[in-house]
Amino acid sequence: GNTWSTGETTQSITVSTSGTYTVSVTTGGCTSTASAGTTVVVNASPVVTLGSVFDPTACGAMDGAIQVSGSGTGDLNWSGTTSGSFTGVSLPSFVGGLGAGSYDITFTDASGCISNMISQSLSDPGAPAAPTISAGGATTFCQGGSVVLTSSAATGNTWSTNETTQSITVSASGT
């Protein structure tokens, strides 16, 4: 029967640690010399952590990004709302061009070992809600009169008259 350098006596063994493994065979009371050793190398899986997170900006002016921290060179892979990969990157690195949604990111190092998974959601604040207009009096009046129109938004207003204040005074017909 077989006798492995681990002491096991089966025909096959499963190994999960680095080392050099040999086997000898005993038949009829005689034992062979040990086989040439087979060296097994178990590479440690890379470990990545979450770095900076940038949510997309309103109106899609800038895409979101997730920083992956760690060390090594390899491939960043992500799946979720969108999927993709960057090859040959050195950590730390960013996965960019992302929209709002959930993402799972892994790193595969040069030896082919896959890291732990980072999960991160990005949110998009979206465009602001459309403002409402309130009139400070009647919107129908005689020539020479006026009405103050006020936006529900305190800032960021652009009226159809190109004024940018929260309130405007209107004395002419129109919408």
N, C-alpha and C. Protein backbone atom coordinates (compact mmCIF):
# COMPACT_ATOMS: atom_id res chain seq x y z
N GLY A 1 0.81 -1.18 0.00
CA GLY A 1 0.00 0.00 0.00
C GLY A 1 0.86 1.26 0.00
N ASN A 2 0.22 2.33 -0.23
CA ASN A 2 0.89 3.63 -0.28
C ASN A 2 1.12 4.18 1.12
N THR A 3 2.25 4.85 1.28
CA THR A 3 2.50 5.60 2.50
C THR A 3 3.03 6.97 2.09
N TRP A 4 2.24 7.98 2.36
CA TRP A 4 2.60 9.36 1.99
C TRP A 4 3.47 9.99 3.08
N SER A 5 4.16 11.04 2.73
CA SER A 5 5.00 11.76 3.70
C SER A 5 4.14 12.39 4.80
N THR A 6 2.84 12.46 4.58
CA THR A 6 1.93 12.98 5.61
C THR A 6 1.49 11.88 6.56
N GLY A 7 1.82 10.62 6.23
CA GLY A 7 1.41 9.49 7.05
C GLY A 7 0.14 8.82 6.54
N GLU A 8 -0.52 9.43 5.58
CA GLU A 8 -1.75 8.85 5.03
C GLU A 8 -1.40 7.64 4.18
N THR A 9 -2.34 6.67 4.08
CA THR A 9 -2.07 5.42 3.38
C THR A 9 -3.05 5.15 2.23
N THR A 10 -3.72 6.17 1.76
CA THR A 10 -4.65 6.02 0.65
C THR A 10 -3.92 6.22 -0.68
N GLN A 11 -4.58 5.89 -1.79
CA GLN A 11 -3.94 6.07 -3.10
C GLN A 11 -3.80 7.55 -3.44
N SER A 12 -4.76 8.37 -3.03
CA SER A 12 -4.74 9.81 -3.30
C SER A 12 -4.87 10.57 -1.99
N ILE A 13 -4.25 11.72 -1.92
CA ILE A 13 -4.44 12.59 -0.76
C ILE A 13 -4.82 13.98 -1.26
N THR A 14 -5.50 14.72 -0.42
CA THR A 14 -5.86 16.11 -0.70
C THR A 14 -5.00 16.98 0.19
N VAL A 15 -4.30 17.94 -0.42
CA VAL A 15 -3.45 18.82 0.37
C VAL A 15 -3.94 20.26 0.24
N SER A 16 -3.78 21.02 1.33
CA SER A 16 -4.21 22.42 1.32
C SER A 16 -3.15 23.34 1.90
N THR A 17 -1.98 22.78 2.18
CA THR A 17 -0.88 23.61 2.69
C THR A 17 0.34 23.42 1.79
N SER A 18 1.15 24.45 1.73
CA SER A 18 2.37 24.39 0.93
C SER A 18 3.31 23.34 1.50
N GLY A 19 4.06 22.68 0.62
CA GLY A 19 5.05 21.70 1.07
C GLY A 19 5.46 20.80 -0.07
N THR A 20 6.40 19.90 0.21
CA THR A 20 6.83 18.90 -0.76
C THR A 20 6.33 17.56 -0.27
N TYR A 21 5.62 16.84 -1.12
CA TYR A 21 4.97 15.59 -0.74
C TYR A 21 5.59 14.43 -1.51
N THR A 22 5.82 13.33 -0.79
CA THR A 22 6.36 12.10 -1.40
C THR A 22 5.46 10.94 -1.03
N VAL A 23 5.64 9.83 -1.76
CA VAL A 23 4.90 8.60 -1.46
C VAL A 23 5.83 7.41 -1.71
N SER A 24 5.66 6.39 -0.87
CA SER A 24 6.36 5.11 -1.11
C SER A 24 5.32 4.01 -1.12
N VAL A 25 5.70 2.87 -1.68
CA VAL A 25 4.77 1.75 -1.81
C VAL A 25 5.38 0.53 -1.11
N THR A 26 4.51 -0.15 -0.34
CA THR A 26 4.92 -1.39 0.32
C THR A 26 4.14 -2.53 -0.31
N THR A 27 4.87 -3.54 -0.82
CA THR A 27 4.24 -4.71 -1.42
C THR A 27 5.01 -5.94 -0.96
N GLY A 28 4.30 -6.93 -0.45
CA GLY A 28 4.92 -8.17 -0.01
C GLY A 28 5.99 -7.95 1.04
N GLY A 29 5.81 -6.94 1.88
CA GLY A 29 6.75 -6.68 2.96
C GLY A 29 7.94 -5.84 2.56
N CYS A 30 8.04 -5.50 1.27
CA CYS A 30 9.15 -4.67 0.81
C CYS A 30 8.63 -3.27 0.52
N THR A 31 9.40 -2.27 0.90
CA THR A 31 8.99 -0.87 0.72
C THR A 31 9.93 -0.21 -0.27
N SER A 32 9.31 0.48 -1.24
CA SER A 32 10.10 1.21 -2.24
C SER A 32 10.75 2.43 -1.61
N THR A 33 11.69 3.00 -2.34
CA THR A 33 12.20 4.29 -1.90
C THR A 33 11.11 5.32 -2.17
N ALA A 34 11.18 6.44 -1.51
CA ALA A 34 10.16 7.47 -1.69
C ALA A 34 10.24 8.04 -3.10
N SER A 35 9.08 8.40 -3.60
CA SER A 35 9.01 9.02 -4.92
C SER A 35 9.72 10.36 -4.91
N ALA A 36 9.95 10.88 -6.10
CA ALA A 36 10.44 12.26 -6.18
C ALA A 36 9.34 13.13 -5.56
N GLY A 37 9.74 14.17 -4.92
CA GLY A 37 8.77 15.03 -4.25
C GLY A 37 7.99 15.91 -5.24
N THR A 38 6.76 16.12 -4.91
CA THR A 38 5.93 17.07 -5.65
C THR A 38 5.71 18.25 -4.73
N THR A 39 6.13 19.42 -5.22
CA THR A 39 6.01 20.62 -4.41
C THR A 39 4.68 21.32 -4.70
N VAL A 40 3.98 21.64 -3.65
CA VAL A 40 2.70 22.33 -3.74
C VAL A 40 2.87 23.71 -3.10
N VAL A 41 2.46 24.73 -3.82
CA VAL A 41 2.52 26.10 -3.29
C VAL A 41 1.10 26.62 -3.18
N VAL A 42 0.71 26.98 -1.97
CA VAL A 42 -0.61 27.56 -1.74
C VAL A 42 -0.41 29.06 -1.53
N ASN A 43 -0.86 29.84 -2.50
CA ASN A 43 -0.73 31.30 -2.40
C ASN A 43 -1.85 31.85 -1.54
N ALA A 44 -1.52 32.83 -0.72
CA ALA A 44 -2.54 33.49 0.10
C ALA A 44 -3.44 34.33 -0.80
N SER A 45 -4.71 34.32 -0.51
CA SER A 45 -5.65 35.16 -1.26
C SER A 45 -5.42 36.61 -0.87
N PRO A 46 -5.51 37.51 -1.86
CA PRO A 46 -5.35 38.92 -1.53
C PRO A 46 -6.51 39.41 -0.66
N VAL A 47 -6.23 40.41 0.14
CA VAL A 47 -7.25 41.01 1.00
C VAL A 47 -7.44 42.45 0.55
N VAL A 48 -8.69 42.81 0.27
CA VAL A 48 -8.99 44.18 -0.13
C VAL A 48 -9.96 44.80 0.86
N THR A 49 -9.87 46.13 0.98
CA THR A 49 -10.78 46.87 1.84
C THR A 49 -11.36 48.03 1.05
N LEU A 50 -12.44 48.58 1.57
CA LEU A 50 -13.11 49.70 0.94
C LEU A 50 -12.37 50.98 1.26
N GLY A 51 -12.05 51.75 0.22
CA GLY A 51 -11.43 53.06 0.39
C GLY A 51 -12.50 54.13 0.26
N SER A 52 -12.18 55.19 -0.43
CA SER A 52 -13.12 56.30 -0.63
C SER A 52 -14.26 55.89 -1.55
N VAL A 53 -15.44 56.48 -1.30
CA VAL A 53 -16.62 56.21 -2.13
C VAL A 53 -17.17 57.55 -2.60
N PHE A 54 -17.40 57.66 -3.90
CA PHE A 54 -17.95 58.88 -4.47
C PHE A 54 -19.24 58.55 -5.20
N ASP A 55 -20.36 59.06 -4.66
CA ASP A 55 -21.64 58.85 -5.32
C ASP A 55 -21.69 59.67 -6.60
N PRO A 56 -22.48 59.21 -7.59
CA PRO A 56 -22.65 60.03 -8.79
C PRO A 56 -23.24 61.39 -8.40
N THR A 57 -22.97 62.39 -9.21
CA THR A 57 -23.53 63.71 -8.95
C THR A 57 -24.88 63.85 -9.63
N ALA A 58 -25.64 64.82 -9.20
CA ALA A 58 -26.97 65.07 -9.77
C ALA A 58 -26.85 65.30 -11.27
N CYS A 59 -27.86 64.86 -11.97
CA CYS A 59 -27.97 65.05 -13.42
C CYS A 59 -26.87 64.34 -14.20
N GLY A 60 -26.17 63.40 -13.60
CA GLY A 60 -25.15 62.63 -14.31
C GLY A 60 -23.94 63.43 -14.72
N ALA A 61 -23.68 64.57 -14.06
CA ALA A 61 -22.52 65.39 -14.41
C ALA A 61 -21.23 64.63 -14.16
N MET A 62 -21.20 63.76 -13.16
CA MET A 62 -20.01 62.97 -12.86
C MET A 62 -20.45 61.60 -12.37
N ASP A 63 -19.82 60.54 -12.91
CA ASP A 63 -20.13 59.19 -12.49
C ASP A 63 -19.53 58.92 -11.12
N GLY A 64 -20.04 57.88 -10.47
CA GLY A 64 -19.53 57.49 -9.16
C GLY A 64 -18.28 56.65 -9.27
N ALA A 65 -17.60 56.49 -8.14
CA ALA A 65 -16.38 55.69 -8.10
C ALA A 65 -16.23 55.06 -6.72
N ILE A 66 -15.60 53.88 -6.71
CA ILE A 66 -15.34 53.15 -5.47
C ILE A 66 -13.85 52.82 -5.45
N GLN A 67 -13.15 53.20 -4.38
CA GLN A 67 -11.73 52.91 -4.25
C GLN A 67 -11.55 51.56 -3.57
N VAL A 68 -10.71 50.73 -4.16
CA VAL A 68 -10.37 49.43 -3.59
C VAL A 68 -8.95 49.54 -3.05
N SER A 69 -8.78 49.33 -1.74
CA SER A 69 -7.47 49.41 -1.11
C SER A 69 -6.93 48.01 -0.89
N GLY A 70 -5.64 47.91 -0.92
CA GLY A 70 -4.94 46.64 -0.74
C GLY A 70 -3.59 46.76 -1.40
N SER A 71 -2.96 45.63 -1.70
CA SER A 71 -1.68 45.68 -2.40
C SER A 71 -1.64 44.58 -3.45
N GLY A 72 -0.82 44.81 -4.45
CA GLY A 72 -0.67 43.82 -5.52
C GLY A 72 -1.10 44.38 -6.86
N THR A 73 -0.83 43.59 -7.89
CA THR A 73 -1.23 43.92 -9.25
C THR A 73 -2.09 42.79 -9.77
N GLY A 74 -3.14 43.14 -10.47
CA GLY A 74 -4.04 42.13 -11.01
C GLY A 74 -5.25 42.76 -11.66
N ASP A 75 -6.39 42.09 -11.53
CA ASP A 75 -7.61 42.53 -12.20
C ASP A 75 -8.69 42.86 -11.18
N LEU A 76 -9.33 44.01 -11.37
CA LEU A 76 -10.51 44.39 -10.58
C LEU A 76 -11.74 43.97 -11.35
N ASN A 77 -12.63 43.27 -10.69
CA ASN A 77 -13.87 42.81 -11.33
C ASN A 77 -15.05 43.27 -10.50
N TRP A 78 -16.10 43.74 -11.16
CA TRP A 78 -17.30 44.16 -10.44
C TRP A 78 -18.54 43.68 -11.16
N SER A 79 -19.56 43.46 -10.36
CA SER A 79 -20.87 43.07 -10.89
C SER A 79 -21.92 43.77 -10.07
N GLY A 80 -23.09 43.86 -10.61
CA GLY A 80 -24.19 44.54 -9.94
C GLY A 80 -25.01 45.29 -10.95
N THR A 81 -25.27 46.57 -10.67
CA THR A 81 -26.05 47.39 -11.58
C THR A 81 -25.39 47.39 -12.97
N THR A 82 -24.08 47.48 -13.02
CA THR A 82 -23.31 47.23 -14.24
C THR A 82 -22.18 46.29 -13.86
N SER A 83 -21.62 45.63 -14.83
CA SER A 83 -20.51 44.71 -14.58
C SER A 83 -19.35 45.06 -15.49
N GLY A 84 -18.15 44.70 -15.06
CA GLY A 84 -16.98 44.95 -15.89
C GLY A 84 -15.71 44.57 -15.17
N SER A 85 -14.58 44.90 -15.79
CA SER A 85 -13.29 44.62 -15.16
C SER A 85 -12.24 45.58 -15.72
N PHE A 86 -11.22 45.79 -14.90
CA PHE A 86 -10.02 46.51 -15.30
C PHE A 86 -8.87 45.54 -15.11
N THR A 87 -8.02 45.38 -16.12
CA THR A 87 -6.92 44.43 -16.01
C THR A 87 -5.60 45.16 -15.78
N GLY A 88 -4.71 44.47 -15.11
CA GLY A 88 -3.36 44.98 -14.89
C GLY A 88 -3.29 46.22 -14.02
N VAL A 89 -4.15 46.32 -13.03
CA VAL A 89 -4.13 47.50 -12.16
C VAL A 89 -3.32 47.20 -10.90
N SER A 90 -2.75 48.23 -10.33
CA SER A 90 -2.04 48.12 -9.06
C SER A 90 -2.92 48.73 -7.98
N LEU A 91 -3.05 48.02 -6.87
CA LEU A 91 -3.84 48.54 -5.76
C LEU A 91 -3.02 49.50 -4.93
N PRO A 92 -3.61 50.50 -4.31
CA PRO A 92 -5.04 50.82 -4.37
C PRO A 92 -5.42 51.41 -5.73
N SER A 93 -6.69 51.23 -6.11
CA SER A 93 -7.17 51.70 -7.39
C SER A 93 -8.66 51.99 -7.30
N PHE A 94 -9.17 52.75 -8.26
CA PHE A 94 -10.59 53.09 -8.31
C PHE A 94 -11.31 52.31 -9.39
N VAL A 95 -12.54 51.90 -9.08
CA VAL A 95 -13.48 51.44 -10.09
C VAL A 95 -14.35 52.65 -10.35
N GLY A 96 -14.25 53.24 -11.52
CA GLY A 96 -14.97 54.47 -11.81
C GLY A 96 -16.00 54.28 -12.90
N GLY A 97 -16.66 55.37 -13.24
CA GLY A 97 -17.67 55.34 -14.29
C GLY A 97 -18.94 54.62 -13.86
N LEU A 98 -19.21 54.59 -12.56
CA LEU A 98 -20.35 53.84 -12.04
C LEU A 98 -21.56 54.73 -11.81
N GLY A 99 -22.73 54.22 -12.12
CA GLY A 99 -23.97 54.93 -11.83
C GLY A 99 -24.53 54.46 -10.50
N ALA A 100 -25.67 54.99 -10.14
CA ALA A 100 -26.33 54.60 -8.89
C ALA A 100 -26.66 53.11 -8.94
N GLY A 101 -26.52 52.44 -7.80
CA GLY A 101 -26.84 51.02 -7.72
C GLY A 101 -25.93 50.31 -6.75
N SER A 102 -26.03 48.98 -6.74
CA SER A 102 -25.23 48.15 -5.84
C SER A 102 -24.16 47.42 -6.63
N TYR A 103 -22.98 47.30 -6.02
CA TYR A 103 -21.84 46.69 -6.69
C TYR A 103 -21.12 45.73 -5.76
N ASP A 104 -20.66 44.60 -6.32
CA ASP A 104 -19.80 43.65 -5.64
C ASP A 104 -18.48 43.65 -6.38
N ILE A 105 -17.37 43.87 -5.66
CA ILE A 105 -16.06 44.02 -6.28
C ILE A 105 -15.10 43.00 -5.70
N THR A 106 -14.33 42.34 -6.58
CA THR A 106 -13.26 41.45 -6.16
C THR A 106 -11.99 41.80 -6.93
N PHE A 107 -10.86 41.35 -6.41
CA PHE A 107 -9.55 41.56 -7.02
C PHE A 107 -8.92 40.20 -7.23
N THR A 108 -8.43 39.95 -8.44
CA THR A 108 -7.73 38.71 -8.74
C THR A 108 -6.27 39.05 -8.95
N ASP A 109 -5.40 38.49 -8.11
CA ASP A 109 -3.98 38.85 -8.21
C ASP A 109 -3.29 38.06 -9.32
N ALA A 110 -2.01 38.35 -9.53
CA ALA A 110 -1.25 37.76 -10.63
C ALA A 110 -1.19 36.23 -10.55
N SER A 111 -1.32 35.66 -9.35
CA SER A 111 -1.28 34.20 -9.22
C SER A 111 -2.65 33.57 -9.45
N GLY A 112 -3.66 34.40 -9.70
CA GLY A 112 -5.01 33.89 -9.96
C GLY A 112 -5.87 33.76 -8.73
N CYS A 113 -5.34 34.17 -7.57
CA CYS A 113 -6.12 34.08 -6.34
C CYS A 113 -7.11 35.24 -6.26
N ILE A 114 -8.31 34.95 -5.81
CA ILE A 114 -9.39 35.94 -5.75
C ILE A 114 -9.57 36.42 -4.32
N SER A 115 -9.69 37.73 -4.19
CA SER A 115 -9.83 38.36 -2.87
C SER A 115 -11.22 38.14 -2.29
N ASN A 116 -11.36 38.63 -1.07
CA ASN A 116 -12.67 38.76 -0.46
C ASN A 116 -13.49 39.74 -1.30
N MET A 117 -14.80 39.75 -1.10
CA MET A 117 -15.68 40.63 -1.87
C MET A 117 -16.01 41.89 -1.09
N ILE A 118 -15.98 43.03 -1.77
CA ILE A 118 -16.44 44.29 -1.21
C ILE A 118 -17.80 44.58 -1.84
N SER A 119 -18.79 44.88 -1.02
CA SER A 119 -20.11 45.26 -1.53
C SER A 119 -20.36 46.71 -1.15
N GLN A 120 -20.80 47.50 -2.12
CA GLN A 120 -21.04 48.92 -1.89
C GLN A 120 -22.17 49.41 -2.77
N SER A 121 -23.02 50.25 -2.21
CA SER A 121 -24.10 50.88 -2.98
C SER A 121 -23.75 52.34 -3.22
N LEU A 122 -24.13 52.82 -4.38
CA LEU A 122 -23.97 54.23 -4.72
C LEU A 122 -25.36 54.81 -4.94
N SER A 123 -25.56 56.04 -4.50
CA SER A 123 -26.86 56.67 -4.70
C SER A 123 -26.68 57.92 -5.56
N ASP A 124 -27.71 58.23 -6.30
CA ASP A 124 -27.69 59.41 -7.16
C ASP A 124 -28.73 60.38 -6.62
N PRO A 125 -28.31 61.59 -6.23
CA PRO A 125 -29.28 62.53 -5.69
C PRO A 125 -30.31 62.97 -6.73
N GLY A 126 -30.01 62.76 -7.99
CA GLY A 126 -30.95 63.11 -9.05
C GLY A 126 -31.12 64.60 -9.20
N ALA A 127 -31.91 64.97 -10.16
CA ALA A 127 -32.18 66.39 -10.40
C ALA A 127 -33.10 66.92 -9.30
N PRO A 128 -33.02 68.20 -9.00
CA PRO A 128 -33.92 68.75 -7.99
C PRO A 128 -35.36 68.70 -8.48
N ALA A 129 -36.28 68.67 -7.53
CA ALA A 129 -37.71 68.66 -7.88
C ALA A 129 -38.06 69.99 -8.55
N ALA A 130 -39.02 69.95 -9.46
CA ALA A 130 -39.46 71.17 -10.12
C ALA A 130 -40.05 72.12 -9.07
N PRO A 131 -39.68 73.39 -9.12
CA PRO A 131 -40.22 74.33 -8.14
C PRO A 131 -41.68 74.68 -8.45
N THR A 132 -42.34 75.20 -7.45
CA THR A 132 -43.70 75.72 -7.66
C THR A 132 -43.64 77.24 -7.52
N ILE A 133 -44.61 77.92 -8.13
CA ILE A 133 -44.66 79.38 -8.08
C ILE A 133 -45.88 79.80 -7.28
N SER A 134 -45.66 80.69 -6.35
CA SER A 134 -46.80 81.27 -5.63
C SER A 134 -46.89 82.75 -5.99
N ALA A 135 -48.12 83.21 -6.17
CA ALA A 135 -48.36 84.61 -6.53
C ALA A 135 -48.70 85.38 -5.26
N GLY A 136 -48.11 86.58 -5.13
CA GLY A 136 -48.35 87.42 -3.96
C GLY A 136 -49.58 88.31 -4.13
N GLY A 137 -50.45 87.95 -5.01
CA GLY A 137 -51.67 88.73 -5.28
C GLY A 137 -52.35 88.16 -6.51
N ALA A 138 -53.31 88.90 -7.02
CA ALA A 138 -54.06 88.47 -8.20
C ALA A 138 -53.13 88.44 -9.41
N THR A 139 -53.30 87.43 -10.28
CA THR A 139 -52.50 87.34 -11.50
C THR A 139 -53.22 87.96 -12.69
N THR A 140 -54.38 88.51 -12.44
CA THR A 140 -55.10 89.30 -13.45
C THR A 140 -55.32 90.67 -12.84
N PHE A 141 -54.83 91.71 -13.52
CA PHE A 141 -54.93 93.07 -12.97
C PHE A 141 -54.90 94.07 -14.13
N CYS A 142 -55.20 95.32 -13.81
CA CYS A 142 -55.23 96.39 -14.81
C CYS A 142 -53.83 96.89 -15.10
N GLN A 143 -53.69 97.50 -16.30
CA GLN A 143 -52.41 98.06 -16.70
C GLN A 143 -51.91 99.00 -15.61
N GLY A 144 -50.60 98.91 -15.32
CA GLY A 144 -50.00 99.70 -14.26
C GLY A 144 -49.87 98.93 -12.96
N GLY A 145 -50.52 97.78 -12.88
CA GLY A 145 -50.42 96.94 -11.69
C GLY A 145 -49.26 95.95 -11.84
N SER A 146 -49.05 95.16 -10.81
CA SER A 146 -48.01 94.14 -10.87
C SER A 146 -48.31 93.06 -9.83
N VAL A 147 -47.60 91.97 -9.91
CA VAL A 147 -47.71 90.89 -8.95
C VAL A 147 -46.31 90.34 -8.69
N VAL A 148 -46.07 89.96 -7.45
CA VAL A 148 -44.80 89.33 -7.10
C VAL A 148 -44.99 87.82 -7.19
N LEU A 149 -44.11 87.17 -7.99
CA LEU A 149 -44.13 85.72 -8.11
C LEU A 149 -42.91 85.18 -7.34
N THR A 150 -43.13 84.14 -6.53
CA THR A 150 -42.06 83.60 -5.69
C THR A 150 -41.90 82.11 -5.97
N SER A 151 -40.65 81.68 -6.16
CA SER A 151 -40.33 80.27 -6.37
C SER A 151 -40.28 79.56 -5.02
N SER A 152 -40.65 78.29 -5.02
CA SER A 152 -40.56 77.48 -3.80
C SER A 152 -39.10 77.16 -3.45
N ALA A 153 -38.19 77.33 -4.40
CA ALA A 153 -36.77 77.08 -4.15
C ALA A 153 -36.10 78.38 -3.73
N ALA A 154 -35.38 78.37 -2.64
CA ALA A 154 -34.73 79.58 -2.13
C ALA A 154 -33.56 80.00 -3.01
N THR A 155 -32.87 79.03 -3.62
CA THR A 155 -31.71 79.34 -4.46
C THR A 155 -31.74 78.49 -5.72
N GLY A 156 -30.90 78.85 -6.67
CA GLY A 156 -30.76 78.06 -7.89
C GLY A 156 -31.84 78.32 -8.92
N ASN A 157 -32.60 79.38 -8.77
CA ASN A 157 -33.69 79.68 -9.69
C ASN A 157 -33.20 80.34 -10.97
N THR A 158 -33.84 80.01 -12.08
CA THR A 158 -33.67 80.75 -13.33
C THR A 158 -35.07 80.89 -13.92
N TRP A 159 -35.57 82.11 -13.87
CA TRP A 159 -36.90 82.39 -14.39
C TRP A 159 -36.87 82.49 -15.91
N SER A 160 -38.04 82.40 -16.53
CA SER A 160 -38.13 82.54 -17.99
C SER A 160 -37.71 83.95 -18.44
N THR A 161 -37.63 84.89 -17.51
CA THR A 161 -37.14 86.24 -17.80
C THR A 161 -35.63 86.34 -17.63
N ASN A 162 -34.99 85.19 -17.29
CA ASN A 162 -33.55 85.07 -17.02
C ASN A 162 -33.14 85.67 -15.69
N GLU A 163 -34.08 86.11 -14.86
CA GLU A 163 -33.74 86.57 -13.51
C GLU A 163 -33.44 85.34 -12.65
N THR A 164 -32.58 85.52 -11.65
CA THR A 164 -32.14 84.38 -10.84
C THR A 164 -32.46 84.54 -9.35
N THR A 165 -33.32 85.46 -9.01
CA THR A 165 -33.72 85.66 -7.62
C THR A 165 -34.85 84.71 -7.27
N GLN A 166 -35.18 84.62 -5.98
CA GLN A 166 -36.29 83.76 -5.57
C GLN A 166 -37.63 84.35 -5.99
N SER A 167 -37.74 85.69 -5.98
CA SER A 167 -39.00 86.36 -6.35
C SER A 167 -38.74 87.34 -7.48
N ILE A 168 -39.75 87.49 -8.35
CA ILE A 168 -39.69 88.51 -9.39
C ILE A 168 -40.99 89.31 -9.36
N THR A 169 -40.93 90.55 -9.81
CA THR A 169 -42.14 91.39 -9.93
C THR A 169 -42.51 91.45 -11.41
N VAL A 170 -43.75 91.07 -11.71
CA VAL A 170 -44.22 91.01 -13.09
C VAL A 170 -45.30 92.05 -13.29
N SER A 171 -45.16 92.86 -14.37
CA SER A 171 -46.17 93.88 -14.67
C SER A 171 -46.70 93.76 -16.09
N ALA A 172 -46.25 92.71 -16.81
CA ALA A 172 -46.71 92.50 -18.19
C ALA A 172 -47.39 91.14 -18.30
N SER A 173 -48.28 91.00 -19.25
CA SER A 173 -48.96 89.71 -19.49
C SER A 173 -47.95 88.69 -19.97
N GLY A 174 -48.18 87.45 -19.65
CA GLY A 174 -47.32 86.38 -20.12
C GLY A 174 -47.37 85.21 -19.16
N THR A 175 -46.65 84.13 -19.53
CA THR A 175 -46.57 82.93 -18.69
C THR A 175 -45.17 82.82 -18.18
